């Protein structure tokens, strides 16, 4: 545990130093954010201006994050858009509520995992 902490000590510095530029992380209004439900960044910003304060409220308004990927592809971008529009840190905007199955697995995979842990 101590060794792991010593390796992770540098992480905040690296995250700050190599953070992608805003123009690469936060798309323009016409860019499709949720490919599954075809929701654009402009639509999400409009929903936030209407009063949505987090991803789960935006999901109710636009279905963004309700497609086959369950927000795995768009989740971080949605959080960034909400935070940017509200002018708050991403942590205050939050993230989608994670619901099972987080990542579906087959019974064969589950059985194999049980054999490894025996």
PDB file of N, CA and C in Angstrom:
ATOM      1  N   UNK A   1       0.820  -1.185   0.000  1.00  0.00           N
ATOM      2  CA  UNK A   1       0.000   0.000   0.000  1.00  0.00           C
ATOM      3  C   UNK A   1       0.873   1.262   0.000  1.00  0.00           C
ATOM      4  N   UNK A   2       1.910   1.243   0.800  1.00  0.00           N
ATOM      5  CA  UNK A   2       2.816   2.392   0.884  1.00  0.00           C
ATOM      6  C   UNK A   2       3.514   2.628  -0.452  1.00  0.00           C
ATOM      7  N   UNK A   3       3.916   1.537  -1.103  1.00  0.00           N
ATOM      8  CA  UNK A   3       4.576   1.655  -2.411  1.00  0.00           C
ATOM      9  C   UNK A   3       3.622   2.259  -3.443  1.00  0.00           C
ATOM     10  N   UNK A   4       2.388   1.825  -3.413  1.00  0.00           N
ATOM     11  CA  UNK A   4       1.394   2.352  -4.348  1.00  0.00           C
ATOM     12  C   UNK A   4       1.198   3.857  -4.135  1.00  0.00           C
ATOM     13  N   UNK A   5       1.089   4.272  -2.874  1.00  0.00           N
ATOM     14  CA  UNK A   5       0.930   5.699  -2.572  1.00  0.00           C
ATOM     15  C   UNK A   5       2.110   6.505  -3.086  1.00  0.00           C
ATOM     16  N   UNK A   6       3.317   5.955  -2.960  1.00  0.00           N
ATOM     17  CA  UNK A   6       4.487   6.693  -3.427  1.00  0.00           C
ATOM     18  C   UNK A   6       4.470   6.849  -4.949  1.00  0.00           C
ATOM     19  N   UNK A   7       3.953   5.843  -5.654  1.00  0.00           N
ATOM     20  CA  UNK A   7       3.840   5.949  -7.112  1.00  0.00           C
ATOM     21  C   UNK A   7       2.771   6.961  -7.519  1.00  0.00           C
ATOM     22  N   UNK A   8       1.695   7.028  -6.761  1.00  0.00           N
ATOM     23  CA  UNK A   8       0.578   7.911  -7.098  1.00  0.00           C
ATOM     24  C   UNK A   8       0.788   9.360  -6.661  1.00  0.00           C
ATOM     25  N   UNK A   9       1.808   9.610  -5.883  1.00  0.00           N
ATOM     26  CA  UNK A   9       2.062  10.953  -5.375  1.00  0.00           C
ATOM     27  C   UNK A   9       2.247  11.967  -6.504  1.00  0.00           C
ATOM     28  N   UNK A  10       2.841  11.561  -7.611  1.00  0.00           N
ATOM     29  CA  UNK A  10       3.126  12.449  -8.738  1.00  0.00           C
ATOM     30  C   UNK A  10       1.894  12.693  -9.611  1.00  0.00           C
ATOM     31  N   UNK A  11       0.842  11.883  -9.441  1.00  0.00           N
ATOM     32  CA  UNK A  11      -0.326  11.917 -10.340  1.00  0.00           C
ATOM     33  C   UNK A  11      -0.971  13.299 -10.484  1.00  0.00           C
ATOM     34  N   UNK A  12      -1.237  14.061  -9.412  1.00  0.00           N
ATOM     35  CA  UNK A  12      -1.852  15.384  -9.587  1.00  0.00           C
ATOM     36  C   UNK A  12      -1.002  16.314 -10.457  1.00  0.00           C
ATOM     37  N   UNK A  13       0.301  16.250 -10.290  1.00  0.00           N
ATOM     38  CA  UNK A  13       1.193  17.070 -11.104  1.00  0.00           C
ATOM     39  C   UNK A  13       1.099  16.683 -12.578  1.00  0.00           C
ATOM     40  N   UNK A  14       1.135  15.386 -12.861  1.00  0.00           N
ATOM     41  CA  UNK A  14       1.048  14.925 -14.251  1.00  0.00           C
ATOM     42  C   UNK A  14      -0.305  15.269 -14.883  1.00  0.00           C
ATOM     43  N   UNK A  15      -1.376  15.130 -14.102  1.00  0.00           N
ATOM     44  CA  UNK A  15      -2.700  15.481 -14.620  1.00  0.00           C
ATOM     45  C   UNK A  15      -2.772  16.955 -14.983  1.00  0.00           C
ATOM     46  N   UNK A  16      -2.178  17.815 -14.183  1.00  0.00           N
ATOM     47  CA  UNK A  16      -2.193  19.244 -14.467  1.00  0.00           C
ATOM     48  C   UNK A  16      -1.280  19.578 -15.644  1.00  0.00           C
ATOM     49  N   UNK A  17      -0.116  18.970 -15.689  1.00  0.00           N
ATOM     50  CA  UNK A  17       0.858  19.266 -16.736  1.00  0.00           C
ATOM     51  C   UNK A  17       0.384  18.813 -18.110  1.00  0.00           C
ATOM     52  N   UNK A  18      -0.227  17.645 -18.196  1.00  0.00           N
ATOM     53  CA  UNK A  18      -0.606  17.078 -19.492  1.00  0.00           C
ATOM     54  C   UNK A  18      -2.107  17.110 -19.749  1.00  0.00           C
ATOM     55  N   UNK A  19      -2.818  18.018 -19.106  1.00  0.00           N
ATOM     56  CA  UNK A  19      -4.267  18.149 -19.326  1.00  0.00           C
ATOM     57  C   UNK A  19      -4.503  18.578 -20.774  1.00  0.00           C
ATOM     58  N   UNK A  20      -5.404  17.885 -21.476  1.00  0.00           N
ATOM     59  CA  UNK A  20      -5.699  18.286 -22.861  1.00  0.00           C
ATOM     60  C   UNK A  20      -6.278  19.700 -22.904  1.00  0.00           C
ATOM     61  N   UNK A  21      -6.029  20.397 -23.998  1.00  0.00           N
ATOM     62  CA  UNK A  21      -6.537  21.758 -24.162  1.00  0.00           C
ATOM     63  C   UNK A  21      -8.062  21.742 -24.171  1.00  0.00           C
ATOM     64  N   UNK A  22      -8.653  22.829 -23.704  1.00  0.00           N
ATOM     65  CA  UNK A  22     -10.113  22.925 -23.654  1.00  0.00           C
ATOM     66  C   UNK A  22     -10.739  22.712 -25.025  1.00  0.00           C
ATOM     67  N   UNK A  23     -10.155  23.248 -26.062  1.00  0.00           N
ATOM     68  CA  UNK A  23     -10.738  23.099 -27.402  1.00  0.00           C
ATOM     69  C   UNK A  23     -10.732  21.641 -27.884  1.00  0.00           C
ATOM     70  N   UNK A  24      -9.911  20.803 -27.291  1.00  0.00           N
ATOM     71  CA  UNK A  24      -9.903  19.376 -27.631  1.00  0.00           C
ATOM     72  C   UNK A  24     -10.853  18.560 -26.754  1.00  0.00           C
ATOM     73  N   UNK A  25     -11.243  19.110 -25.609  1.00  0.00           N
ATOM     74  CA  UNK A  25     -12.107  18.388 -24.682  1.00  0.00           C
ATOM     75  C   UNK A  25     -13.555  18.836 -24.740  1.00  0.00           C
ATOM     76  N   UNK A  26     -13.766  20.128 -25.031  1.00  0.00           N
ATOM     77  CA  UNK A  26     -15.113  20.691 -24.964  1.00  0.00           C
ATOM     78  C   UNK A  26     -15.545  21.084 -26.372  1.00  0.00           C
ATOM     79  N   UNK A  27     -16.499  20.352 -26.935  1.00  0.00           N
ATOM     80  CA  UNK A  27     -16.867  20.556 -28.336  1.00  0.00           C
ATOM     81  C   UNK A  27     -17.736  21.793 -28.573  1.00  0.00           C
ATOM     82  N   UNK A  28     -17.745  22.233 -29.849  1.00  0.00           N
ATOM     83  CA  UNK A  28     -18.613  23.335 -30.279  1.00  0.00           C
ATOM     84  C   UNK A  28     -20.062  22.856 -30.293  1.00  0.00           C
ATOM     85  N   UNK A  29     -20.995  23.793 -30.381  1.00  0.00           N
ATOM     86  CA  UNK A  29     -22.425  23.483 -30.299  1.00  0.00           C
ATOM     87  C   UNK A  29     -22.903  22.472 -31.326  1.00  0.00           C
ATOM     88  N   UNK A  30     -22.371  22.479 -32.526  1.00  0.00           N
ATOM     89  CA  UNK A  30     -22.875  21.595 -33.587  1.00  0.00           C
ATOM     90  C   UNK A  30     -22.302  20.182 -33.529  1.00  0.00           C
ATOM     91  N   UNK A  31     -21.376  19.932 -32.620  1.00  0.00           N
ATOM     92  CA  UNK A  31     -20.725  18.621 -32.527  1.00  0.00           C
ATOM     93  C   UNK A  31     -21.624  17.636 -31.766  1.00  0.00           C
ATOM     94  N   UNK A  32     -21.727  16.419 -32.299  1.00  0.00           N
ATOM     95  CA  UNK A  32     -22.506  15.355 -31.679  1.00  0.00           C
ATOM     96  C   UNK A  32     -21.745  14.830 -30.461  1.00  0.00           C
ATOM     97  N   UNK A  33     -22.351  14.928 -29.302  1.00  0.00           N
ATOM     98  CA  UNK A  33     -21.725  14.443 -28.066  1.00  0.00           C
ATOM     99  C   UNK A  33     -22.143  13.006 -27.807  1.00  0.00           C
ATOM    100  N   UNK A  34     -23.451  12.749 -27.840  1.00  0.00           N
ATOM    101  CA  UNK A  34     -23.974  11.404 -27.619  1.00  0.00           C
ATOM    102  C   UNK A  34     -24.333  10.807 -28.976  1.00  0.00           C
ATOM    103  N   UNK A  35     -23.485   9.917 -29.447  1.00  0.00           N
ATOM    104  CA  UNK A  35     -23.722   9.296 -30.754  1.00  0.00           C
ATOM    105  C   UNK A  35     -24.912   8.355 -30.720  1.00  0.00           C
ATOM    106  N   UNK A  36     -25.127   7.717 -29.606  1.00  0.00           N
ATOM    107  CA  UNK A  36     -26.234   6.757 -29.512  1.00  0.00           C
ATOM    108  C   UNK A  36     -27.590   7.437 -29.666  1.00  0.00           C
ATOM    109  N   UNK A  37     -27.766   8.576 -29.036  1.00  0.00           N
ATOM    110  CA  UNK A  37     -29.047   9.279 -29.043  1.00  0.00           C
ATOM    111  C   UNK A  37     -29.020  10.541 -29.904  1.00  0.00           C
ATOM    112  N   UNK A  38     -27.892  10.789 -30.579  1.00  0.00           N
ATOM    113  CA  UNK A  38     -27.729  11.928 -31.490  1.00  0.00           C
ATOM    114  C   UNK A  38     -28.031  13.267 -30.812  1.00  0.00           C
ATOM    115  N   UNK A  39     -27.345  13.526 -29.716  1.00  0.00           N
ATOM    116  CA  UNK A  39     -27.510  14.765 -28.967  1.00  0.00           C
ATOM    117  C   UNK A  39     -26.264  15.621 -29.162  1.00  0.00           C
ATOM    118  N   UNK A  40     -26.463  16.880 -29.537  1.00  0.00           N
ATOM    119  CA  UNK A  40     -25.344  17.780 -29.783  1.00  0.00           C
ATOM    120  C   UNK A  40     -24.949  18.528 -28.510  1.00  0.00           C
ATOM    121  N   UNK A  41     -23.754  19.118 -28.558  1.00  0.00           N
ATOM    122  CA  UNK A  41     -23.274  19.919 -27.434  1.00  0.00           C
ATOM    123  C   UNK A  41     -24.179  21.126 -27.218  1.00  0.00           C
ATOM    124  N   UNK A  42     -24.684  21.719 -28.296  1.00  0.00           N
ATOM    125  CA  UNK A  42     -25.581  22.859 -28.175  1.00  0.00           C
ATOM    126  C   UNK A  42     -26.866  22.503 -27.448  1.00  0.00           C
ATOM    127  N   UNK A  43     -27.399  21.341 -27.741  1.00  0.00           N
ATOM    128  CA  UNK A  43     -28.621  20.882 -27.063  1.00  0.00           C
ATOM    129  C   UNK A  43     -28.367  20.725 -25.570  1.00  0.00           C
ATOM    130  N   UNK A  44     -27.214  20.164 -25.223  1.00  0.00           N
ATOM    131  CA  UNK A  44     -26.883  19.991 -23.804  1.00  0.00           C
ATOM    132  C   UNK A  44     -26.732  21.340 -23.110  1.00  0.00           C
ATOM    133  N   UNK A  45     -26.067  22.279 -23.770  1.00  0.00           N
ATOM    134  CA  UNK A  45     -25.905  23.614 -23.173  1.00  0.00           C
ATOM    135  C   UNK A  45     -27.268  24.284 -22.974  1.00  0.00           C
ATOM    136  N   UNK A  46     -28.175  24.117 -23.936  1.00  0.00           N
ATOM    137  CA  UNK A  46     -29.524  24.677 -23.802  1.00  0.00           C
ATOM    138  C   UNK A  46     -30.239  24.075 -22.599  1.00  0.00           C
ATOM    139  N   UNK A  47     -30.101  22.761 -22.409  1.00  0.00           N
ATOM    140  CA  UNK A  47     -30.736  22.099 -21.269  1.00  0.00           C
ATOM    141  C   UNK A  47     -30.188  22.619 -19.944  1.00  0.00           C
ATOM    142  N   UNK A  48     -28.888  22.880 -19.903  1.00  0.00           N
ATOM    143  CA  UNK A  48     -28.281  23.413 -18.679  1.00  0.00           C
ATOM    144  C   UNK A  48     -28.809  24.828 -18.421  1.00  0.00           C
ATOM    145  N   UNK A  49     -28.944  25.614 -19.471  1.00  0.00           N
ATOM    146  CA  UNK A  49     -29.485  26.974 -19.306  1.00  0.00           C
ATOM    147  C   UNK A  49     -30.941  26.948 -18.839  1.00  0.00           C
ATOM    148  N   UNK A  50     -31.649  25.870 -19.166  1.00  0.00           N
ATOM    149  CA  UNK A  50     -33.033  25.721 -18.702  1.00  0.00           C
ATOM    150  C   UNK A  50     -33.110  25.338 -17.223  1.00  0.00           C
ATOM    151  N   UNK A  51     -31.981  24.898 -16.656  1.00  0.00           N
ATOM    152  CA  UNK A  51     -31.970  24.582 -15.236  1.00  0.00           C
ATOM    153  C   UNK A  51     -31.421  23.229 -14.852  1.00  0.00           C
ATOM    154  N   UNK A  52     -31.015  22.420 -15.810  1.00  0.00           N
ATOM    155  CA  UNK A  52     -30.410  21.119 -15.477  1.00  0.00           C
ATOM    156  C   UNK A  52     -29.045  21.359 -14.850  1.00  0.00           C
ATOM    157  N   UNK A  53     -28.822  20.792 -13.668  1.00  0.00           N
ATOM    158  CA  UNK A  53     -27.561  21.041 -12.975  1.00  0.00           C
ATOM    159  C   UNK A  53     -26.600  19.853 -13.012  1.00  0.00           C
ATOM    160  N   UNK A  54     -27.057  18.714 -13.514  1.00  0.00           N
ATOM    161  CA  UNK A  54     -26.189  17.542 -13.544  1.00  0.00           C
ATOM    162  C   UNK A  54     -26.535  16.610 -14.684  1.00  0.00           C
ATOM    163  N   UNK A  55     -25.672  15.633 -14.943  1.00  0.00           N
ATOM    164  CA  UNK A  55     -25.876  14.700 -16.047  1.00  0.00           C
ATOM    165  C   UNK A  55     -27.173  13.916 -15.981  1.00  0.00           C
ATOM    166  N   UNK A  56     -27.617  13.557 -14.796  1.00  0.00           N
ATOM    167  CA  UNK A  56     -28.845  12.771 -14.698  1.00  0.00           C
ATOM    168  C   UNK A  56     -30.080  13.587 -15.069  1.00  0.00           C
ATOM    169  N   UNK A  57     -30.072  14.882 -14.772  1.00  0.00           N
ATOM    170  CA  UNK A  57     -31.172  15.746 -15.205  1.00  0.00           C
ATOM    171  C   UNK A  57     -31.120  15.948 -16.716  1.00  0.00           C
ATOM    172  N   UNK A  58     -29.918  16.146 -17.252  1.00  0.00           N
ATOM    173  CA  UNK A  58     -29.773  16.310 -18.697  1.00  0.00           C
ATOM    174  C   UNK A  58     -30.251  15.043 -19.402  1.00  0.00           C
ATOM    175  N   UNK A  59     -29.972  13.906 -18.810  1.00  0.00           N
ATOM    176  CA  UNK A  59     -30.420  12.627 -19.378  1.00  0.00           C
ATOM    177  C   UNK A  59     -31.940  12.600 -19.495  1.00  0.00           C
ATOM    178  N   UNK A  60     -32.630  13.110 -18.487  1.00  0.00           N
ATOM    179  CA  UNK A  60     -34.092  13.141 -18.507  1.00  0.00           C
ATOM    180  C   UNK A  60     -34.628  14.052 -19.609  1.00  0.00           C
ATOM    181  N   UNK A  61     -33.931  15.134 -19.880  1.00  0.00           N
ATOM    182  CA  UNK A  61     -34.376  16.086 -20.887  1.00  0.00           C
ATOM    183  C   UNK A  61     -34.048  15.629 -22.303  1.00  0.00           C
ATOM    184  N   UNK A  62     -32.867  15.027 -22.497  1.00  0.00           N
ATOM    185  CA  UNK A  62     -32.373  14.790 -23.863  1.00  0.00           C
ATOM    186  C   UNK A  62     -32.129  13.327 -24.221  1.00  0.00           C
ATOM    187  N   UNK A  63     -32.221  12.419 -23.274  1.00  0.00           N
ATOM    188  CA  UNK A  63     -31.880  11.004 -23.455  1.00  0.00           C
ATOM    189  C   UNK A  63     -30.372  10.789 -23.637  1.00  0.00           C
ATOM    190  N   UNK A  64     -29.577  11.815 -23.488  1.00  0.00           N
ATOM    191  CA  UNK A  64     -28.126  11.685 -23.619  1.00  0.00           C
ATOM    192  C   UNK A  64     -27.621  10.751 -22.524  1.00  0.00           C
ATOM    193  N   UNK A  65     -26.953   9.672 -22.915  1.00  0.00           N
ATOM    194  CA  UNK A  65     -26.470   8.680 -21.957  1.00  0.00           C
ATOM    195  C   UNK A  65     -27.405   7.503 -21.772  1.00  0.00           C
ATOM    196  N   UNK A  66     -28.499   7.452 -22.548  1.00  0.00           N
ATOM    197  CA  UNK A  66     -29.456   6.358 -22.401  1.00  0.00           C
ATOM    198  C   UNK A  66     -29.357   5.339 -23.532  1.00  0.00           C
ATOM    199  N   UNK A  67     -28.407   5.515 -24.428  1.00  0.00           N
ATOM    200  CA  UNK A  67     -28.256   4.600 -25.562  1.00  0.00           C
ATOM    201  C   UNK A  67     -27.548   3.319 -25.171  1.00  0.00           C
ATOM    202  N   UNK A  68     -27.165   2.530 -26.163  1.00  0.00           N
ATOM    203  CA  UNK A  68     -26.518   1.242 -25.905  1.00  0.00           C
ATOM    204  C   UNK A  68     -25.233   1.330 -25.065  1.00  0.00           C
ATOM    205  N   UNK A  69     -24.504   2.443 -25.167  1.00  0.00           N
ATOM    206  CA  UNK A  69     -23.248   2.529 -24.397  1.00  0.00           C
ATOM    207  C   UNK A  69     -23.481   2.996 -22.963  1.00  0.00           C
ATOM    208  N   UNK A  70     -24.729   3.413 -22.635  1.00  0.00           N
ATOM    209  CA  UNK A  70     -25.080   3.855 -21.286  1.00  0.00           C
ATOM    210  C   UNK A  70     -24.181   4.975 -20.765  1.00  0.00           C
ATOM    211  N   UNK A  71     -23.764   5.881 -21.653  1.00  0.00           N
ATOM    212  CA  UNK A  71     -22.965   7.025 -21.247  1.00  0.00           C
ATOM    213  C   UNK A  71     -21.481   6.766 -21.142  1.00  0.00           C
ATOM    214  N   UNK A  72     -21.028   5.583 -21.508  1.00  0.00           N
ATOM    215  CA  UNK A  72     -19.589   5.286 -21.420  1.00  0.00           C
ATOM    216  C   UNK A  72     -18.771   6.139 -22.388  1.00  0.00           C
ATOM    217  N   UNK A  73     -19.357   6.479 -23.533  1.00  0.00           N
ATOM    218  CA  UNK A  73     -18.635   7.271 -24.531  1.00  0.00           C
ATOM    219  C   UNK A  73     -18.787   8.774 -24.294  1.00  0.00           C
ATOM    220  N   UNK A  74     -19.942   9.218 -23.829  1.00  0.00           N
ATOM    221  CA  UNK A  74     -20.214  10.652 -23.724  1.00  0.00           C
ATOM    222  C   UNK A  74     -20.141  11.193 -22.301  1.00  0.00           C
ATOM    223  N   UNK A  75     -20.061  10.358 -21.310  1.00  0.00           N
ATOM    224  CA  UNK A  75     -20.183  10.782 -19.919  1.00  0.00           C
ATOM    225  C   UNK A  75     -19.237  11.884 -19.495  1.00  0.00           C
ATOM    226  N   UNK A  76     -17.960  11.742 -19.782  1.00  0.00           N
ATOM    227  CA  UNK A  76     -16.997  12.762 -19.360  1.00  0.00           C
ATOM    228  C   UNK A  76     -17.228  14.077 -20.084  1.00  0.00           C
ATOM    229  N   UNK A  77     -17.571  14.008 -21.372  1.00  0.00           N
ATOM    230  CA  UNK A  77     -17.834  15.223 -22.138  1.00  0.00           C
ATOM    231  C   UNK A  77     -19.076  15.928 -21.613  1.00  0.00           C
ATOM    232  N   UNK A  78     -20.107  15.163 -21.283  1.00  0.00           N
ATOM    233  CA  UNK A  78     -21.326  15.751 -20.716  1.00  0.00           C
ATOM    234  C   UNK A  78     -21.002  16.478 -19.413  1.00  0.00           C
ATOM    235  N   UNK A  79     -20.224  15.861 -18.556  1.00  0.00           N
ATOM    236  CA  UNK A  79     -19.835  16.495 -17.296  1.00  0.00           C
ATOM    237  C   UNK A  79     -19.069  17.780 -17.555  1.00  0.00           C
ATOM    238  N   UNK A  80     -18.131  17.751 -18.493  1.00  0.00           N
ATOM    239  CA  UNK A  80     -17.338  18.948 -18.829  1.00  0.00           C
ATOM    240  C   UNK A  80     -18.230  20.054 -19.383  1.00  0.00           C
ATOM    241  N   UNK A  81     -19.173  19.703 -20.246  1.00  0.00           N
ATOM    242  CA  UNK A  81     -20.079  20.709 -20.817  1.00  0.00           C
ATOM    243  C   UNK A  81     -20.942  21.360 -19.740  1.00  0.00           C
ATOM    244  N   UNK A  82     -21.481  20.536 -18.866  1.00  0.00           N
ATOM    245  CA  UNK A  82     -22.315  21.074 -17.785  1.00  0.00           C
ATOM    246  C   UNK A  82     -21.490  21.991 -16.893  1.00  0.00           C
ATOM    247  N   UNK A  83     -20.320  21.540 -16.510  1.00  0.00           N
ATOM    248  CA  UNK A  83     -19.455  22.343 -15.642  1.00  0.00           C
ATOM    249  C   UNK A  83     -19.071  23.658 -16.318  1.00  0.00           C
ATOM    250  N   UNK A  84     -18.734  23.600 -17.589  1.00  0.00           N
ATOM    251  CA  UNK A  84     -18.355  24.816 -18.311  1.00  0.00           C
ATOM    252  C   UNK A  84     -19.508  25.796 -18.443  1.00  0.00           C
ATOM    253  N   UNK A  85     -20.688  25.281 -18.717  1.00  0.00           N
ATOM    254  CA  UNK A  85     -21.859  26.146 -18.871  1.00  0.00           C
ATOM    255  C   UNK A  85     -22.262  26.766 -17.540  1.00  0.00           C
ATOM    256  N   UNK A  86     -22.185  25.977 -16.478  1.00  0.00           N
ATOM    257  CA  UNK A  86     -22.534  26.476 -15.139  1.00  0.00           C
ATOM    258  C   UNK A  86     -21.384  27.240 -14.486  1.00  0.00           C
ATOM    259  N   UNK A  87     -20.201  27.144 -15.060  1.00  0.00           N
ATOM    260  CA  UNK A  87     -18.973  27.746 -14.523  1.00  0.00           C
ATOM    261  C   UNK A  87     -18.673  27.249 -13.109  1.00  0.00           C
ATOM    262  N   UNK A  88     -18.680  25.916 -13.008  1.00  0.00           N
ATOM    263  CA  UNK A  88     -18.323  25.243 -11.755  1.00  0.00           C
ATOM    264  C   UNK A  88     -17.300  24.155 -12.081  1.00  0.00           C
ATOM    265  N   UNK A  89     -16.595  23.624 -11.093  1.00  0.00           N
ATOM    266  CA  UNK A  89     -15.673  22.511 -11.355  1.00  0.00           C
ATOM    267  C   UNK A  89     -16.457  21.261 -11.786  1.00  0.00           C
ATOM    268  N   UNK A  90     -15.851  20.393 -12.607  1.00  0.00           N
ATOM    269  CA  UNK A  90     -16.525  19.155 -13.023  1.00  0.00           C
ATOM    270  C   UNK A  90     -17.022  18.306 -11.850  1.00  0.00           C
ATOM    271  N   UNK A  91     -16.322  18.317 -10.745  1.00  0.00           N
ATOM    272  CA  UNK A  91     -16.755  17.532  -9.579  1.00  0.00           C
ATOM    273  C   UNK A  91     -18.108  18.016  -9.062  1.00  0.00           C
ATOM    274  N   UNK A  92     -18.376  19.315  -9.179  1.00  0.00           N
ATOM    275  CA  UNK A  92     -19.666  19.855  -8.739  1.00  0.00           C
ATOM    276  C   UNK A  92     -20.785  19.501  -9.715  1.00  0.00           C
ATOM    277  N   UNK A  93     -20.441  19.307 -10.981  1.00  0.00           N
ATOM    278  CA  UNK A  93     -21.452  18.919 -11.977  1.00  0.00           C
ATOM    279  C   UNK A  93     -21.847  17.459 -11.784  1.00  0.00           C
ATOM    280  N   UNK A  94     -20.910  16.636 -11.375  1.00  0.00           N
ATOM    281  CA  UNK A  94     -21.189  15.227 -11.126  1.00  0.00           C
ATOM    282  C   UNK A  94     -21.055  14.361 -12.358  1.00  0.00           C
ATOM    283  N   UNK A  95     -21.496  13.114 -12.223  1.00  0.00           N
ATOM    284  CA  UNK A  95     -21.404  12.136 -13.297  1.00  0.00           C
ATOM    285  C   UNK A  95     -22.695  11.320 -13.290  1.00  0.00           C
ATOM    286  N   UNK A  96     -22.931  10.595 -14.364  1.00  0.00           N
ATOM    287  CA  UNK A  96     -24.124   9.746 -14.412  1.00  0.00           C
ATOM    288  C   UNK A  96     -24.138   8.770 -13.250  1.00  0.00           C
ATOM    289  N   UNK A  97     -25.348   8.466 -12.735  1.00  0.00           N
ATOM    290  CA  UNK A  97     -25.462   7.391 -11.749  1.00  0.00           C
ATOM    291  C   UNK A  97     -25.142   6.087 -12.461  1.00  0.00           C
ATOM    292  N   UNK A  98     -24.254   5.331 -11.910  1.00  0.00           N
ATOM    293  CA  UNK A  98     -23.863   4.057 -12.501  1.00  0.00           C
ATOM    294  C   UNK A  98     -24.876   3.010 -12.071  1.00  0.00           C
ATOM    295  N   UNK A  99     -25.399   2.289 -13.051  1.00  0.00           N
ATOM    296  CA  UNK A  99     -26.387   1.251 -12.764  1.00  0.00           C
ATOM    297  C   UNK A  99     -25.913  -0.068 -13.339  1.00  0.00           C
ATOM    298  N   UNK A 100     -26.208  -1.142 -12.648  1.00  0.00           N
ATOM    299  CA  UNK A 100     -25.819  -2.447 -13.161  1.00  0.00           C
ATOM    300  C   UNK A 100     -26.611  -2.793 -14.413  1.00  0.00           C
ATOM    301  N   UNK A 101     -26.108  -3.562 -15.319  1.00  0.00           N
ATOM    302  CA  UNK A 101     -24.747  -4.087 -15.279  1.00  0.00           C
ATOM    303  C   UNK A 101     -23.768  -3.023 -15.756  1.00  0.00           C
ATOM    304  N   UNK A 102     -22.746  -2.810 -14.957  1.00  0.00           N
ATOM    305  CA  UNK A 102     -21.741  -1.812 -15.314  1.00  0.00           C
ATOM    306  C   UNK A 102     -21.060  -2.228 -16.605  1.00  0.00           C
ATOM    307  N   UNK A 103     -20.671  -3.470 -16.692  1.00  0.00           N
ATOM    308  CA  UNK A 103     -20.147  -4.011 -17.936  1.00  0.00           C
ATOM    309  C   UNK A 103     -20.577  -5.469 -17.967  1.00  0.00           C
ATOM    310  N   UNK A 104     -21.447  -5.809 -18.885  1.00  0.00           N
ATOM    311  CA  UNK A 104     -21.943  -7.185 -18.899  1.00  0.00           C
ATOM    312  C   UNK A 104     -20.824  -8.189 -19.181  1.00  0.00           C
ATOM    313  N   UNK A 105     -20.907  -9.330 -18.496  1.00  0.00           N
ATOM    314  CA  UNK A 105     -19.967 -10.421 -18.751  1.00  0.00           C
ATOM    315  C   UNK A 105     -20.781 -11.705 -18.942  1.00  0.00           C
ATOM    316  N   UNK A 106     -20.153 -12.658 -19.575  1.00  0.00           N
ATOM    317  CA  UNK A 106     -20.823 -13.940 -19.792  1.00  0.00           C
ATOM    318  C   UNK A 106     -20.674 -14.808 -18.548  1.00  0.00           C
ATOM    319  N   UNK A 107     -21.499 -15.829 -18.456  1.00  0.00           N
ATOM    320  CA  UNK A 107     -21.375 -16.771 -17.339  1.00  0.00           C
ATOM    321  C   UNK A 107     -20.042 -17.505 -17.395  1.00  0.00           C
ATOM    322  N   UNK A 108     -19.547 -17.775 -18.607  1.00  0.00           N
ATOM    323  CA  UNK A 108     -18.252 -18.440 -18.749  1.00  0.00           C
ATOM    324  C   UNK A 108     -17.136 -17.584 -18.149  1.00  0.00           C
ATOM    325  N   UNK A 109     -17.192 -16.274 -18.376  1.00  0.00           N
ATOM    326  CA  UNK A 109     -16.183 -15.386 -17.798  1.00  0.00           C
ATOM    327  C   UNK A 109     -16.278 -15.375 -16.276  1.00  0.00           C
ATOM    328  N   UNK A 110     -17.489 -15.371 -15.767  1.00  0.00           N
ATOM    329  CA  UNK A 110     -17.687 -15.384 -14.326  1.00  0.00           C
ATOM    330  C   UNK A 110     -17.174 -16.680 -13.707  1.00  0.00           C
ATOM    331  N   UNK A 111     -17.438 -17.806 -14.362  1.00  0.00           N
ATOM    332  CA  UNK A 111     -16.964 -19.103 -13.879  1.00  0.00           C
ATOM    333  C   UNK A 111     -15.446 -19.163 -13.885  1.00  0.00           C
ATOM    334  N   UNK A 112     -14.846 -18.628 -14.930  1.00  0.00           N
ATOM    335  CA  UNK A 112     -13.392 -18.635 -15.047  1.00  0.00           C
ATOM    336  C   UNK A 112     -12.778 -17.793 -13.912  1.00  0.00           C
ATOM    337  N   UNK A 113     -13.397 -16.673 -13.605  1.00  0.00           N
ATOM    338  CA  UNK A 113     -12.917 -15.810 -12.511  1.00  0.00           C
ATOM    339  C   UNK A 113     -12.986 -16.545 -11.185  1.00  0.00           C
ATOM    340  N   UNK A 114     -14.043 -17.307 -10.962  1.00  0.00           N
ATOM    341  CA  UNK A 114     -14.185 -18.070  -9.720  1.00  0.00           C
ATOM    342  C   UNK A 114     -13.077 -19.114  -9.603  1.00  0.00           C
ATOM    343  N   UNK A 115     -12.730 -19.762 -10.729  1.00  0.00           N
ATOM    344  CA  UNK A 115     -11.660 -20.779 -10.723  1.00  0.00           C
ATOM    345  C   UNK A 115     -10.321 -20.152 -10.378  1.00  0.00           C
ATOM    346  N   UNK A 116     -10.049 -18.956 -10.881  1.00  0.00           N
ATOM    347  CA  UNK A 116      -8.779 -18.275 -10.630  1.00  0.00           C
ATOM    348  C   UNK A 116      -8.653 -17.917  -9.151  1.00  0.00           C
ATOM    349  N   UNK A 117      -9.734 -17.505  -8.531  1.00  0.00           N
ATOM    350  CA  UNK A 117      -9.702 -17.069  -7.129  1.00  0.00           C
ATOM    351  C   UNK A 117      -9.750 -18.203  -6.124  1.00  0.00           C
ATOM    352  N   UNK A 118      -9.907 -19.432  -6.560  1.00  0.00           N
ATOM    353  CA  UNK A 118      -9.950 -20.576  -5.631  1.00  0.00           C
ATOM    354  C   UNK A 118      -8.596 -20.980  -5.142  1.00  0.00           C
TER     355      UNK A 118
END
